[in-house]
N, C-alpha and C. Protein backbone atom coordinates (compact mmCIF):
# COMPACT_ATOMS: atom_id res chain seq x y z
N UNK A 1 71.01 -53.92 -25.12
CA UNK A 1 71.04 -52.72 -24.23
C UNK A 1 69.85 -52.52 -23.47
N UNK A 2 69.05 -52.44 -24.18
CA UNK A 2 67.65 -52.41 -23.41
C UNK A 2 67.41 -53.35 -22.53
N UNK A 3 67.58 -54.41 -22.97
CA UNK A 3 67.34 -55.71 -22.13
C UNK A 3 67.94 -55.26 -20.74
N UNK A 4 69.32 -55.38 -20.71
CA UNK A 4 69.59 -54.84 -19.35
C UNK A 4 69.11 -53.75 -18.76
N UNK A 5 69.01 -52.70 -19.22
CA UNK A 5 68.58 -51.70 -18.58
C UNK A 5 67.33 -52.20 -17.74
N UNK A 6 66.16 -52.89 -18.56
CA UNK A 6 64.81 -53.21 -17.95
C UNK A 6 65.26 -53.82 -16.95
N UNK A 7 65.98 -54.69 -16.85
CA UNK A 7 66.44 -56.04 -16.12
C UNK A 7 66.78 -55.08 -14.61
N UNK A 8 67.69 -54.23 -14.72
CA UNK A 8 68.34 -53.64 -13.84
C UNK A 8 67.27 -52.58 -13.07
N UNK A 9 66.75 -52.15 -13.80
CA UNK A 9 65.25 -51.18 -13.40
C UNK A 9 64.43 -51.86 -12.46
N UNK A 10 64.15 -53.33 -13.00
CA UNK A 10 63.28 -54.08 -11.98
C UNK A 10 63.86 -54.67 -10.52
N UNK A 11 65.09 -54.72 -10.71
CA UNK A 11 66.14 -55.34 -9.77
C UNK A 11 66.19 -53.98 -8.56
N UNK A 12 66.33 -52.89 -9.32
CA UNK A 12 66.67 -51.65 -8.24
C UNK A 12 65.09 -51.52 -7.55
N UNK A 13 64.16 -51.48 -8.47
CA UNK A 13 62.60 -51.45 -7.58
C UNK A 13 62.57 -52.63 -6.88
N UNK A 14 63.10 -53.68 -6.71
CA UNK A 14 62.62 -54.77 -6.04
C UNK A 14 63.29 -54.49 -4.68
N UNK A 15 64.65 -54.24 -5.11
CA UNK A 15 65.33 -53.51 -3.76
C UNK A 15 64.85 -52.97 -3.16
N UNK A 16 64.44 -51.71 -3.69
CA UNK A 16 63.79 -50.67 -3.12
C UNK A 16 62.43 -51.09 -2.39
N UNK A 17 61.55 -51.81 -2.83
CA UNK A 17 60.50 -52.14 -2.28
C UNK A 17 61.02 -53.17 -0.88
N UNK A 18 62.00 -54.02 -1.33
CA UNK A 18 62.18 -54.99 -0.14
C UNK A 18 62.34 -53.97 1.64
N UNK A 19 63.19 -52.68 1.25
CA UNK A 19 63.81 -52.13 2.16
C UNK A 19 62.43 -51.13 2.53
N UNK A 20 61.26 -51.05 2.01
CA UNK A 20 60.00 -50.24 2.28
C UNK A 20 59.05 -51.20 3.04
N UNK A 21 59.17 -52.86 2.51
CA UNK A 21 58.39 -53.97 3.20
C UNK A 21 58.84 -54.04 4.45
N UNK A 22 60.28 -53.98 4.70
CA UNK A 22 61.32 -54.32 6.03
C UNK A 22 60.65 -53.38 6.73
N UNK A 23 60.39 -52.01 6.57
CA UNK A 23 60.07 -51.22 7.77
C UNK A 23 58.49 -51.58 8.11
N UNK A 24 57.69 -52.07 7.48
CA UNK A 24 56.47 -52.48 7.58
C UNK A 24 56.38 -53.85 8.50
N UNK A 25 57.16 -54.83 8.18
CA UNK A 25 57.58 -55.78 9.24
C UNK A 25 57.83 -55.43 10.28
N UNK A 26 58.58 -54.49 10.46
CA UNK A 26 58.89 -53.90 11.67
C UNK A 26 58.60 -53.28 12.41
N UNK A 27 57.62 -52.78 12.08
CA UNK A 27 56.21 -51.97 12.52
C UNK A 27 55.44 -53.24 13.12
N UNK A 28 55.08 -53.85 12.45
CA UNK A 28 54.05 -55.20 12.52
C UNK A 28 54.52 -55.86 13.67
N UNK A 29 55.70 -56.33 13.79
CA UNK A 29 56.58 -56.95 14.95
C UNK A 29 56.61 -56.00 15.95
N UNK A 30 56.52 -54.94 16.34
CA UNK A 30 56.71 -54.06 17.29
C UNK A 30 58.06 -53.37 17.29
N UNK A 31 59.39 -53.49 16.52
CA UNK A 31 60.52 -53.15 16.76
C UNK A 31 60.50 -51.68 16.28
N UNK A 32 59.45 -51.18 15.37
CA UNK A 32 59.58 -50.18 14.99
C UNK A 32 58.45 -49.07 15.32
N UNK A 33 58.43 -47.77 16.17
CA UNK A 33 57.09 -47.31 16.75
C UNK A 33 56.67 -46.17 16.09
N UNK A 34 58.03 -45.34 15.06
CA UNK A 34 57.42 -44.11 14.79
C UNK A 34 57.15 -43.98 13.21
N UNK A 35 56.86 -45.11 12.60
CA UNK A 35 56.07 -45.30 11.31
C UNK A 35 54.74 -44.29 11.33
N UNK A 36 54.99 -43.10 10.40
CA UNK A 36 53.72 -42.50 9.98
C UNK A 36 52.85 -42.87 9.60
N UNK A 37 51.67 -42.79 9.53
CA UNK A 37 50.37 -43.22 9.04
C UNK A 37 50.30 -43.07 7.43
N UNK A 38 50.99 -41.75 7.06
CA UNK A 38 51.24 -41.85 5.31
C UNK A 38 52.08 -42.28 5.08
N UNK A 39 53.13 -43.07 5.67
CA UNK A 39 54.08 -44.05 5.04
C UNK A 39 53.56 -44.91 3.97
N UNK A 40 52.69 -45.54 4.54
CA UNK A 40 52.12 -47.12 3.88
C UNK A 40 51.32 -46.49 2.54
N UNK A 41 50.52 -45.21 2.54
CA UNK A 41 50.02 -44.48 1.76
C UNK A 41 50.83 -44.16 0.19
N UNK A 42 52.13 -43.83 1.12
CA UNK A 42 53.51 -43.47 0.15
C UNK A 42 53.78 -44.31 -0.50
N UNK A 43 53.42 -45.67 -0.01
CA UNK A 43 54.42 -47.01 -0.81
C UNK A 43 53.47 -47.26 -1.91
N UNK A 44 52.15 -47.24 -1.92
CA UNK A 44 51.28 -47.19 -2.71
C UNK A 44 51.86 -46.67 -3.82
N UNK A 45 51.78 -45.31 -3.64
CA UNK A 45 52.10 -44.32 -4.61
C UNK A 45 53.64 -44.44 -5.53
N UNK A 46 54.30 -44.52 -4.48
CA UNK A 46 55.97 -44.51 -4.96
C UNK A 46 56.09 -46.02 -5.74
N UNK A 47 55.65 -47.08 -5.36
CA UNK A 47 55.98 -48.07 -6.17
C UNK A 47 54.96 -48.90 -6.84
N UNK A 48 53.85 -48.32 -7.03
CA UNK A 48 52.83 -48.93 -8.09
C UNK A 48 51.99 -47.71 -8.55
N UNK A 49 52.31 -46.32 -8.54
CA UNK A 49 51.66 -45.42 -9.13
C UNK A 49 49.91 -45.20 -8.79
N UNK A 50 49.60 -45.84 -8.15
CA UNK A 50 48.48 -45.81 -7.62
C UNK A 50 48.14 -45.48 -6.31
N UNK A 51 47.01 -44.74 -5.96
CA UNK A 51 46.55 -44.14 -4.77
C UNK A 51 45.94 -45.44 -3.99
N UNK A 52 46.31 -45.57 -2.67
CA UNK A 52 45.66 -46.73 -1.95
C UNK A 52 44.23 -47.07 -2.05
N UNK A 53 43.59 -46.06 -1.89
CA UNK A 53 41.83 -46.06 -2.15
C UNK A 53 41.67 -46.62 -3.05
N UNK A 54 42.31 -46.29 -4.45
CA UNK A 54 41.69 -46.71 -5.84
C UNK A 54 41.98 -47.99 -5.58
N UNK A 55 43.10 -48.77 -5.23
CA UNK A 55 43.41 -50.04 -5.22
C UNK A 55 42.55 -50.98 -4.41
N UNK A 56 42.00 -50.41 -3.15
CA UNK A 56 41.10 -51.06 -2.49
C UNK A 56 39.68 -50.90 -3.21
N UNK A 57 39.23 -50.21 -4.00
CA UNK A 57 37.88 -50.15 -5.00
C UNK A 57 37.65 -50.91 -5.73
N UNK A 58 38.93 -51.50 -5.99
CA UNK A 58 39.04 -52.47 -7.41
C UNK A 58 37.89 -53.76 -6.74
N UNK A 59 37.68 -54.26 -7.82
CA UNK A 59 36.97 -55.55 -7.64
C UNK A 59 38.05 -56.74 -7.85
N UNK A 60 37.88 -57.76 -7.46
CA UNK A 60 38.56 -59.44 -7.38
C UNK A 60 39.17 -58.86 -9.00
N UNK A 61 38.08 -59.06 -9.91
CA UNK A 61 38.31 -59.33 -11.32
C UNK A 61 39.51 -58.20 -11.85
N UNK A 62 38.89 -56.88 -11.38
CA UNK A 62 39.58 -55.78 -11.75
C UNK A 62 41.14 -55.72 -11.29
N UNK A 63 41.27 -56.03 -9.98
CA UNK A 63 42.54 -56.48 -9.16
C UNK A 63 43.43 -57.31 -10.28
N UNK A 64 42.84 -58.32 -10.71
CA UNK A 64 43.60 -59.27 -11.10
C UNK A 64 44.17 -59.02 -12.61
N UNK A 65 43.30 -57.86 -13.13
CA UNK A 65 43.66 -57.56 -14.53
C UNK A 65 44.87 -56.44 -14.08
N UNK A 66 44.66 -55.53 -13.08
CA UNK A 66 45.92 -54.47 -12.91
C UNK A 66 47.27 -55.88 -12.53
N UNK A 67 46.90 -56.68 -11.75
CA UNK A 67 48.00 -57.38 -11.28
C UNK A 67 48.61 -57.74 -12.68
N UNK A 68 48.10 -58.37 -13.38
CA UNK A 68 48.50 -58.71 -14.83
C UNK A 68 49.53 -57.40 -15.70
N UNK A 69 49.10 -56.84 -15.63
CA UNK A 69 49.62 -55.63 -16.26
C UNK A 69 51.06 -55.17 -15.47
N UNK A 70 51.15 -55.82 -14.02
CA UNK A 70 52.54 -55.75 -13.59
C UNK A 70 53.41 -56.32 -14.00
N UNK A 71 54.83 -55.98 -13.85
CA UNK A 71 55.75 -56.75 -14.20
C UNK A 71 55.49 -58.33 -12.96
N UNK A 72 56.02 -59.42 -13.32
CA UNK A 72 55.35 -60.57 -12.50
C UNK A 72 56.41 -60.62 -11.07
N UNK A 73 57.40 -59.80 -11.14
CA UNK A 73 58.06 -59.48 -9.65
C UNK A 73 57.38 -58.39 -8.67
N UNK A 74 56.47 -57.65 -9.41
CA UNK A 74 56.03 -56.85 -8.82
C UNK A 74 54.67 -57.58 -7.88
N UNK A 75 54.03 -58.54 -8.44
CA UNK A 75 52.87 -59.01 -7.51
C UNK A 75 52.81 -59.42 -6.44
N UNK A 76 53.86 -60.20 -5.74
CA UNK A 76 53.81 -60.34 -4.80
C UNK A 76 54.21 -59.38 -3.76
N UNK A 77 54.99 -58.66 -3.95
CA UNK A 77 55.34 -57.37 -3.14
C UNK A 77 54.02 -56.58 -2.79
N UNK A 78 53.32 -56.47 -3.73
CA UNK A 78 52.02 -55.67 -3.63
C UNK A 78 50.99 -56.38 -2.43
N UNK A 79 50.92 -57.80 -2.72
CA UNK A 79 49.92 -58.35 -2.14
C UNK A 79 50.79 -58.21 -0.63
N UNK A 80 52.04 -58.42 -0.68
CA UNK A 80 52.56 -57.96 0.73
C UNK A 80 52.17 -56.99 1.78
N UNK A 81 52.50 -55.73 0.72
CA UNK A 81 52.36 -54.30 1.09
C UNK A 81 50.82 -54.36 1.85
N UNK A 82 49.68 -54.83 0.44
CA UNK A 82 48.32 -54.95 1.38
C UNK A 82 48.11 -56.00 2.29
N UNK A 83 48.68 -56.85 2.54
CA UNK A 83 48.81 -57.72 3.90
C UNK A 83 48.91 -56.97 5.29
N UNK A 84 50.26 -56.08 5.35
CA UNK A 84 50.69 -55.36 6.06
C UNK A 84 49.94 -54.35 6.57
N UNK A 85 49.53 -53.54 5.41
CA UNK A 85 48.48 -52.42 5.49
C UNK A 85 47.43 -52.91 6.01
N UNK A 86 46.57 -54.11 5.66
CA UNK A 86 45.48 -54.48 6.34
C UNK A 86 45.91 -55.12 7.91
N UNK A 87 47.05 -55.48 8.15
CA UNK A 87 46.87 -55.74 9.50
C UNK A 87 47.26 -54.79 10.29
N UNK A 88 48.10 -53.94 10.11
CA UNK A 88 48.43 -52.63 10.66
C UNK A 88 47.23 -51.86 11.25
N UNK A 89 46.52 -51.82 9.93
CA UNK A 89 45.10 -51.01 10.04
C UNK A 89 44.18 -51.38 10.28
N UNK A 90 44.15 -52.97 10.55
CA UNK A 90 42.80 -53.59 10.57
C UNK A 90 41.85 -53.57 9.80
N UNK A 91 41.97 -53.40 8.34
CA UNK A 91 41.21 -52.98 7.60
C UNK A 91 41.08 -54.74 6.73
N UNK A 92 40.07 -55.01 6.95
CA UNK A 92 39.49 -56.54 5.87
C UNK A 92 39.59 -56.40 4.34
N UNK A 93 38.95 -55.06 4.07
CA UNK A 93 39.28 -54.91 2.38
C UNK A 93 40.87 -55.36 2.06
N UNK A 94 41.83 -54.58 2.75
CA UNK A 94 43.07 -54.95 2.14
C UNK A 94 43.75 -56.39 2.36
N UNK A 95 43.53 -56.75 3.71
CA UNK A 95 43.38 -58.14 3.46
C UNK A 95 43.28 -58.97 2.38
N UNK A 96 41.68 -58.52 2.29
CA UNK A 96 40.95 -59.58 1.38
C UNK A 96 41.38 -59.46 -0.17
N UNK A 97 42.24 -58.16 -0.48
CA UNK A 97 42.64 -58.02 -1.83
C UNK A 97 44.35 -58.39 -1.82
N UNK A 98 44.84 -58.75 -0.44
CA UNK A 98 46.29 -59.67 -0.29
C UNK A 98 45.81 -60.82 -0.68
N UNK A 99 44.95 -61.41 -0.09
CA UNK A 99 44.72 -62.75 -0.22
C UNK A 99 44.54 -63.32 -1.62
N UNK A 100 43.71 -62.24 -2.17
CA UNK A 100 43.09 -62.60 -3.80
C UNK A 100 44.54 -62.59 -4.50
N UNK A 101 45.59 -61.49 -4.47
CA UNK A 101 46.85 -61.43 -4.85
C UNK A 101 47.96 -62.55 -4.76
N UNK A 102 47.63 -62.91 -3.24
CA UNK A 102 48.78 -64.15 -3.48
C UNK A 102 48.48 -65.54 -4.09
N UNK A 103 47.01 -65.41 -3.83
CA UNK A 103 46.21 -66.73 -4.99
C UNK A 103 46.87 -66.51 -6.02
N UNK A 104 46.45 -65.10 -6.60
CA UNK A 104 46.49 -65.13 -8.45
C UNK A 104 48.00 -65.19 -8.43
N UNK A 105 49.22 -64.75 -7.60
CA UNK A 105 50.65 -65.15 -7.99
C UNK A 105 51.24 -66.01 -8.16
N UNK A 106 50.48 -67.11 -6.96
CA UNK A 106 50.89 -68.47 -6.94
C UNK A 106 50.33 -69.47 -8.02
N UNK A 107 49.01 -68.84 -8.76
CA UNK A 107 48.33 -69.37 -9.97
C UNK A 107 49.25 -69.29 -10.90
N UNK A 108 49.42 -67.88 -11.15
CA UNK A 108 50.33 -67.09 -12.56
C UNK A 108 51.30 -67.94 -12.66
N UNK A 109 52.17 -67.94 -11.50
CA UNK A 109 53.35 -67.99 -11.50
C UNK A 109 54.48 -69.81 -11.50
N UNK A 110 53.25 -70.36 -11.14
CA UNK A 110 53.18 -71.81 -10.71
C UNK A 110 54.07 -71.96 -9.66
N UNK A 111 54.43 -71.08 -8.66
CA UNK A 111 55.63 -70.95 -7.80
C UNK A 111 54.44 -71.50 -6.32
N UNK A 112 55.58 -72.20 -5.43
CA UNK A 112 54.68 -72.74 -4.14
C UNK A 112 55.65 -72.56 -3.34
N UNK A 113 55.37 -71.41 -2.14
CA UNK A 113 56.00 -70.93 -1.09
C UNK A 113 55.34 -71.46 0.31
N UNK A 114 56.34 -71.65 1.08
CA UNK A 114 55.70 -71.95 2.48
C UNK A 114 55.21 -70.61 3.14
N UNK A 115 56.25 -69.63 3.05
CA UNK A 115 56.23 -68.29 3.56
C UNK A 115 54.85 -67.78 2.84
N UNK A 116 54.45 -67.87 1.52
CA UNK A 116 53.34 -67.56 1.01
C UNK A 116 52.21 -68.16 1.75
N UNK A 117 52.07 -69.44 1.92
CA UNK A 117 50.90 -70.05 2.71
C UNK A 117 50.87 -69.75 4.09
N UNK A 118 51.76 -69.23 4.62
CA UNK A 118 51.75 -68.67 5.85
C UNK A 118 51.27 -67.35 5.96
N UNK A 119 51.60 -66.77 4.99
CA UNK A 119 50.93 -65.33 4.80
C UNK A 119 49.32 -65.58 4.86
N UNK A 120 49.12 -66.45 3.59
CA UNK A 120 47.50 -66.65 3.66
C UNK A 120 46.83 -67.30 5.16
N UNK A 121 47.48 -68.06 5.75
CA UNK A 121 46.98 -68.49 6.81
C UNK A 121 46.57 -66.77 8.10
N UNK A 122 48.00 -66.53 8.03
CA UNK A 122 47.89 -65.15 8.67
C UNK A 122 46.68 -64.22 8.42
N UNK A 123 46.43 -64.13 7.15
CA UNK A 123 45.44 -63.20 6.39
C UNK A 123 44.20 -63.78 7.00
N UNK A 124 43.85 -65.10 6.91
CA UNK A 124 43.23 -65.70 7.47
C UNK A 124 42.42 -65.73 8.91
N UNK A 125 43.08 -66.13 9.50
CA UNK A 125 43.35 -65.38 11.00
C UNK A 125 42.63 -64.24 11.31
N UNK A 126 43.37 -63.17 10.66
CA UNK A 126 42.75 -61.75 10.95
C UNK A 126 41.57 -61.44 10.05
N UNK A 127 40.99 -62.23 9.34
CA UNK A 127 40.02 -61.74 8.53
C UNK A 127 38.56 -62.68 9.18
N UNK A 128 38.78 -63.47 10.19
CA UNK A 128 37.95 -64.24 11.38
C UNK A 128 37.30 -63.35 12.30
């Protein structure tokens, strides 16, 4: 019963995080104009129990240690949150952290995703 509870909990988390990321995507694509600036900060706190600034202050090594402490299903959404945060606020540090997490996620999970490579390309363009 405990395993089912944990599985349901992470699935609920993934669903809620997906809804939150859709708001950021809509803002980035210009379909949503009324996203308040504190919304992104609240996302870090609600979904990762971390302040935005605390995550941005981590070194790459510390960020990978933190990512390793997360459920595997949480790493990619954190990378996406950092990416959209960086794109919307033109924050190079957030973009660099997103790049590190996407790379870490692909290496640690052994997954290959054209979408993730597209995200990495978008990050590279924004970092130039």
